[in-house]
N, C-alpha and C. Protein backbone atom coordinates (compact mmCIF):
# COMPACT_ATOMS: atom_id res chain seq x y z
N MET A 1 154.23 38.80 -41.45
CA MET A 1 153.24 39.12 -40.44
C MET A 1 151.84 38.82 -40.99
N PRO A 2 151.02 38.07 -40.27
CA PRO A 2 149.68 37.76 -40.77
C PRO A 2 148.80 39.00 -40.81
N SER A 3 147.89 38.97 -41.73
CA SER A 3 146.96 40.09 -41.89
C SER A 3 145.97 40.16 -40.73
N LEU A 4 145.72 41.36 -40.26
CA LEU A 4 144.70 41.54 -39.22
C LEU A 4 143.29 41.46 -39.79
N ARG A 5 143.19 41.56 -41.09
CA ARG A 5 141.89 41.52 -41.75
C ARG A 5 141.80 40.34 -42.71
N ARG A 6 142.28 39.22 -42.26
CA ARG A 6 142.29 38.05 -43.13
C ARG A 6 140.87 37.58 -43.43
N LYS A 7 140.70 37.00 -44.58
CA LYS A 7 139.42 36.45 -44.99
C LYS A 7 139.22 35.10 -44.31
N VAL A 8 138.16 34.98 -43.55
CA VAL A 8 137.85 33.74 -42.84
C VAL A 8 136.82 32.98 -43.66
N PRO A 9 137.20 31.83 -44.25
CA PRO A 9 136.22 31.08 -45.03
C PRO A 9 135.16 30.45 -44.13
N VAL A 10 133.91 30.70 -44.46
CA VAL A 10 132.80 30.18 -43.67
C VAL A 10 131.81 29.52 -44.64
N PRO A 11 131.44 28.26 -44.40
CA PRO A 11 130.55 27.55 -45.32
C PRO A 11 129.07 27.89 -45.09
N TYR A 12 128.73 29.16 -45.25
CA TYR A 12 127.34 29.58 -45.07
C TYR A 12 126.42 28.88 -46.08
N VAL A 13 125.17 28.70 -45.67
CA VAL A 13 124.09 28.32 -46.58
C VAL A 13 123.14 29.51 -46.62
N ARG A 14 122.96 30.09 -47.80
CA ARG A 14 122.16 31.30 -47.94
C ARG A 14 120.68 30.96 -48.10
N GLU A 15 119.87 31.77 -47.43
CA GLU A 15 118.41 31.68 -47.54
C GLU A 15 117.89 33.09 -47.76
N ARG A 16 117.00 33.24 -48.71
CA ARG A 16 116.35 34.54 -48.95
C ARG A 16 114.93 34.47 -48.42
N ILE A 17 114.59 35.43 -47.55
CA ILE A 17 113.23 35.48 -47.02
C ILE A 17 112.55 36.76 -47.49
N THR A 18 111.23 36.72 -47.54
CA THR A 18 110.44 37.87 -47.95
C THR A 18 110.05 38.67 -46.71
N THR A 19 110.14 39.98 -46.82
CA THR A 19 109.78 40.88 -45.73
C THR A 19 108.30 41.27 -45.84
N PRO A 20 107.72 41.80 -44.78
CA PRO A 20 106.31 42.21 -44.83
C PRO A 20 106.01 43.26 -45.91
N ASP A 21 107.00 44.04 -46.32
CA ASP A 21 106.78 45.05 -47.36
C ASP A 21 107.15 44.53 -48.75
N ASP A 22 107.16 43.20 -48.93
CA ASP A 22 107.43 42.53 -50.20
C ASP A 22 108.84 42.81 -50.73
N ASP A 23 109.78 42.90 -49.83
CA ASP A 23 111.19 43.00 -50.20
C ASP A 23 111.85 41.71 -49.75
N PHE A 24 113.16 41.69 -49.63
CA PHE A 24 113.84 40.46 -49.21
C PHE A 24 115.01 40.77 -48.30
N LEU A 25 115.37 39.75 -47.52
CA LEU A 25 116.58 39.76 -46.70
C LEU A 25 117.31 38.46 -46.97
N ASP A 26 118.63 38.53 -47.08
CA ASP A 26 119.44 37.34 -47.27
C ASP A 26 120.07 36.94 -45.94
N LEU A 27 119.81 35.70 -45.56
CA LEU A 27 120.31 35.14 -44.31
C LEU A 27 121.37 34.09 -44.64
N ASP A 28 122.50 34.15 -43.97
CA ASP A 28 123.56 33.16 -44.15
C ASP A 28 123.64 32.32 -42.89
N TRP A 29 123.40 31.02 -43.05
CA TRP A 29 123.25 30.10 -41.92
C TRP A 29 124.44 29.17 -41.76
N LEU A 30 124.72 28.87 -40.50
CA LEU A 30 125.54 27.74 -40.09
C LEU A 30 124.67 26.97 -39.10
N ARG A 31 124.24 25.78 -39.48
CA ARG A 31 123.32 25.02 -38.63
C ARG A 31 123.93 23.69 -38.21
N GLN A 32 123.64 23.32 -36.97
CA GLN A 32 124.08 22.02 -36.47
C GLN A 32 123.04 21.43 -35.51
N ASP A 33 121.78 21.82 -35.70
CA ASP A 33 120.68 21.32 -34.87
C ASP A 33 120.86 21.65 -33.40
N SER A 34 121.38 22.83 -33.12
CA SER A 34 121.54 23.30 -31.75
C SER A 34 120.20 23.84 -31.24
N ASP A 35 120.06 23.94 -29.94
CA ASP A 35 118.88 24.60 -29.38
C ASP A 35 119.20 26.05 -29.02
N ARG A 36 120.39 26.50 -29.44
CA ARG A 36 120.81 27.89 -29.22
C ARG A 36 121.10 28.54 -30.56
N LEU A 37 120.63 29.75 -30.73
CA LEU A 37 120.84 30.51 -31.97
C LEU A 37 121.45 31.85 -31.63
N VAL A 38 122.45 32.24 -32.40
CA VAL A 38 122.97 33.60 -32.33
C VAL A 38 122.73 34.25 -33.68
N VAL A 39 122.23 35.48 -33.66
CA VAL A 39 122.00 36.27 -34.86
C VAL A 39 123.12 37.31 -34.94
N VAL A 40 123.92 37.22 -35.99
CA VAL A 40 125.06 38.12 -36.17
C VAL A 40 124.65 39.24 -37.12
N THR A 41 124.88 40.47 -36.69
CA THR A 41 124.57 41.66 -37.50
C THR A 41 125.88 42.35 -37.87
N HIS A 42 126.04 42.64 -39.14
CA HIS A 42 127.25 43.33 -39.60
C HIS A 42 127.16 44.83 -39.31
N GLY A 43 128.26 45.52 -39.51
CA GLY A 43 128.31 46.96 -39.31
C GLY A 43 127.88 47.73 -40.54
N LEU A 44 128.02 49.04 -40.49
CA LEU A 44 127.62 49.90 -41.60
C LEU A 44 128.35 49.52 -42.88
N GLU A 45 127.57 49.34 -43.94
CA GLU A 45 128.07 48.98 -45.27
C GLU A 45 128.84 47.67 -45.29
N GLY A 46 128.66 46.84 -44.27
CA GLY A 46 129.31 45.54 -44.23
C GLY A 46 128.41 44.48 -44.83
N SER A 47 128.71 43.24 -44.51
CA SER A 47 127.90 42.09 -44.91
C SER A 47 128.32 40.91 -44.05
N SER A 48 127.66 39.79 -44.23
CA SER A 48 128.00 38.60 -43.45
C SER A 48 129.38 38.06 -43.81
N ASP A 49 129.92 38.48 -44.94
CA ASP A 49 131.25 38.02 -45.36
C ASP A 49 132.39 38.84 -44.80
N ARG A 50 132.10 39.96 -44.16
CA ARG A 50 133.18 40.78 -43.59
C ARG A 50 133.92 39.98 -42.53
N HIS A 51 135.20 40.23 -42.38
CA HIS A 51 136.05 39.41 -41.51
C HIS A 51 135.53 39.33 -40.08
N TYR A 52 135.02 40.43 -39.55
CA TYR A 52 134.56 40.42 -38.15
C TYR A 52 133.27 39.62 -37.99
N ALA A 53 132.37 39.70 -38.96
CA ALA A 53 131.12 38.94 -38.89
C ALA A 53 131.37 37.45 -39.13
N ALA A 54 132.17 37.15 -40.14
CA ALA A 54 132.48 35.75 -40.46
C ALA A 54 133.27 35.09 -39.34
N GLY A 55 134.22 35.81 -38.77
CA GLY A 55 135.00 35.27 -37.66
C GLY A 55 134.15 34.99 -36.44
N THR A 56 133.23 35.92 -36.14
CA THR A 56 132.31 35.72 -35.02
C THR A 56 131.41 34.52 -35.27
N ALA A 57 130.88 34.41 -36.49
CA ALA A 57 130.01 33.28 -36.84
C ALA A 57 130.75 31.96 -36.69
N LYS A 58 131.96 31.91 -37.20
CA LYS A 58 132.74 30.67 -37.15
C LYS A 58 133.06 30.27 -35.71
N ALA A 59 133.44 31.24 -34.88
CA ALA A 59 133.79 30.96 -33.48
C ALA A 59 132.58 30.47 -32.69
N LEU A 60 131.42 31.10 -32.88
CA LEU A 60 130.23 30.69 -32.15
C LEU A 60 129.71 29.33 -32.62
N PHE A 61 129.82 29.07 -33.91
CA PHE A 61 129.45 27.76 -34.45
C PHE A 61 130.33 26.67 -33.82
N ALA A 62 131.61 26.95 -33.68
CA ALA A 62 132.54 25.99 -33.06
C ALA A 62 132.19 25.73 -31.59
N GLU A 63 131.50 26.69 -30.96
CA GLU A 63 131.07 26.54 -29.56
C GLU A 63 129.69 25.89 -29.43
N GLY A 64 129.13 25.45 -30.56
CA GLY A 64 127.88 24.70 -30.50
C GLY A 64 126.61 25.47 -30.81
N TRP A 65 126.74 26.71 -31.25
CA TRP A 65 125.58 27.53 -31.59
C TRP A 65 125.20 27.35 -33.05
N ASP A 66 123.90 27.42 -33.37
CA ASP A 66 123.47 27.69 -34.73
C ASP A 66 123.69 29.19 -34.94
N VAL A 67 124.05 29.57 -36.16
CA VAL A 67 124.35 30.97 -36.46
C VAL A 67 123.53 31.42 -37.66
N CYS A 68 122.90 32.59 -37.51
CA CYS A 68 122.25 33.26 -38.62
C CYS A 68 122.93 34.61 -38.78
N ALA A 69 123.75 34.75 -39.81
CA ALA A 69 124.40 36.02 -40.11
C ALA A 69 123.55 36.69 -41.19
N TRP A 70 122.77 37.69 -40.78
CA TRP A 70 121.84 38.29 -41.73
C TRP A 70 122.48 39.51 -42.37
N ASN A 71 122.06 39.76 -43.60
CA ASN A 71 122.54 40.90 -44.36
C ASN A 71 121.44 41.96 -44.41
N CYS A 72 121.78 43.15 -43.97
CA CYS A 72 120.82 44.25 -44.04
C CYS A 72 120.45 44.53 -45.49
N ARG A 73 119.39 45.27 -45.68
CA ARG A 73 118.92 45.57 -47.04
C ARG A 73 120.04 46.15 -47.90
N SER A 74 120.15 45.59 -49.09
CA SER A 74 121.11 46.01 -50.12
C SER A 74 122.57 45.80 -49.71
N CYS A 75 122.82 44.94 -48.73
CA CYS A 75 124.20 44.67 -48.29
C CYS A 75 124.67 43.25 -48.63
N SER A 76 123.85 42.48 -49.32
CA SER A 76 124.23 41.10 -49.63
C SER A 76 124.78 40.95 -51.04
N GLY A 77 125.02 42.07 -51.71
CA GLY A 77 125.54 42.02 -53.08
C GLY A 77 124.47 42.29 -54.12
N GLU A 78 123.25 42.53 -53.69
CA GLU A 78 122.15 42.81 -54.62
C GLU A 78 121.27 43.90 -54.01
N MET A 79 120.91 44.87 -54.84
CA MET A 79 120.03 45.94 -54.36
C MET A 79 118.63 45.37 -54.09
N ASN A 80 118.00 45.89 -53.07
CA ASN A 80 116.65 45.45 -52.74
C ASN A 80 115.63 46.09 -53.68
N ARG A 81 114.41 45.55 -53.67
CA ARG A 81 113.35 46.00 -54.57
C ARG A 81 112.71 47.30 -54.12
N GLN A 82 112.56 47.47 -52.83
CA GLN A 82 111.87 48.65 -52.29
C GLN A 82 112.85 49.82 -52.13
N PHE A 83 112.29 51.02 -52.20
CA PHE A 83 113.10 52.22 -52.00
C PHE A 83 113.21 52.48 -50.50
N ARG A 84 113.88 51.57 -49.84
CA ARG A 84 114.07 51.67 -48.40
C ARG A 84 115.40 51.00 -48.07
N LEU A 85 116.27 51.74 -47.44
CA LEU A 85 117.55 51.18 -47.04
C LEU A 85 117.47 50.81 -45.57
N TYR A 86 118.59 50.55 -44.95
CA TYR A 86 118.59 50.11 -43.57
C TYR A 86 119.25 51.15 -42.68
N HIS A 87 118.91 51.08 -41.43
CA HIS A 87 119.71 51.69 -40.36
C HIS A 87 119.46 50.84 -39.13
N HIS A 88 120.45 50.74 -38.27
CA HIS A 88 120.37 49.80 -37.16
C HIS A 88 119.46 50.25 -36.03
N GLY A 89 118.90 51.44 -36.15
CA GLY A 89 117.93 51.88 -35.15
C GLY A 89 116.52 51.40 -35.45
N GLU A 90 116.28 50.97 -36.68
CA GLU A 90 114.97 50.47 -37.09
C GLU A 90 114.98 48.96 -36.90
N THR A 91 114.06 48.44 -36.12
CA THR A 91 114.13 47.04 -35.70
C THR A 91 113.18 46.09 -36.45
N GLY A 92 112.45 46.59 -37.42
CA GLY A 92 111.50 45.73 -38.13
C GLY A 92 112.16 44.56 -38.84
N ASP A 93 113.30 44.80 -39.49
CA ASP A 93 113.95 43.72 -40.23
C ASP A 93 114.54 42.67 -39.29
N ILE A 94 115.17 43.07 -38.22
CA ILE A 94 115.73 42.08 -37.29
C ILE A 94 114.60 41.27 -36.63
N HIS A 95 113.47 41.92 -36.40
CA HIS A 95 112.30 41.21 -35.88
C HIS A 95 111.85 40.14 -36.88
N THR A 96 111.81 40.49 -38.16
CA THR A 96 111.44 39.53 -39.21
C THR A 96 112.40 38.35 -39.22
N VAL A 97 113.70 38.62 -39.09
CA VAL A 97 114.71 37.56 -39.08
C VAL A 97 114.49 36.62 -37.90
N ILE A 98 114.30 37.18 -36.72
CA ILE A 98 114.13 36.35 -35.52
C ILE A 98 112.84 35.54 -35.59
N GLN A 99 111.75 36.14 -36.02
CA GLN A 99 110.50 35.41 -36.14
C GLN A 99 110.62 34.27 -37.15
N HIS A 100 111.31 34.52 -38.25
CA HIS A 100 111.53 33.47 -39.25
C HIS A 100 112.34 32.32 -38.65
N ALA A 101 113.40 32.65 -37.94
CA ALA A 101 114.24 31.61 -37.33
C ALA A 101 113.44 30.78 -36.33
N LEU A 102 112.63 31.44 -35.52
CA LEU A 102 111.83 30.72 -34.51
C LEU A 102 110.73 29.87 -35.15
N ALA A 103 110.26 30.27 -36.32
CA ALA A 103 109.28 29.46 -37.03
C ALA A 103 109.91 28.18 -37.60
N GLN A 104 111.22 28.21 -37.84
CA GLN A 104 111.94 27.05 -38.37
C GLN A 104 112.30 26.05 -37.28
N ARG A 105 112.60 26.57 -36.09
CA ARG A 105 113.08 25.70 -35.00
C ARG A 105 112.76 26.36 -33.67
N ALA A 106 112.42 25.56 -32.68
CA ALA A 106 112.11 26.08 -31.34
C ALA A 106 113.40 26.23 -30.55
N TYR A 107 114.10 27.32 -30.79
CA TYR A 107 115.36 27.56 -30.07
C TYR A 107 115.06 27.88 -28.61
N ARG A 108 115.85 27.31 -27.73
CA ARG A 108 115.75 27.58 -26.29
C ARG A 108 116.33 28.95 -25.97
N THR A 109 117.41 29.32 -26.66
CA THR A 109 118.11 30.58 -26.45
C THR A 109 118.33 31.26 -27.78
N VAL A 110 118.06 32.56 -27.84
CA VAL A 110 118.38 33.38 -29.01
C VAL A 110 119.18 34.56 -28.52
N ALA A 111 120.35 34.76 -29.11
CA ALA A 111 121.23 35.87 -28.72
C ALA A 111 121.52 36.73 -29.93
N LEU A 112 121.69 38.02 -29.66
CA LEU A 112 122.05 38.96 -30.73
C LEU A 112 123.46 39.44 -30.49
């Protein structure tokens, strides 16, 4: 019987960006010069490599979307510099991610 939590290999390209408070966020990209971007957010204590995030990224990429699977603070395998962790009710970091993505490319559609 196949595993329900199988590891989905995804050829992400990692980018580290600086936050306004001089910390960092790690973004894992799948790009194909699309005019549509989806930003994938992992769950509590997850990361972009978790099966549900990676599977979602791979499926949307196959449908023609650029994908940015971002890692919340201290969830990419390295502790952040600032004494500030994440919670999904605080929107400053996701705003930083979206603004960074839009500065790189003029996406027609951005989905979360």
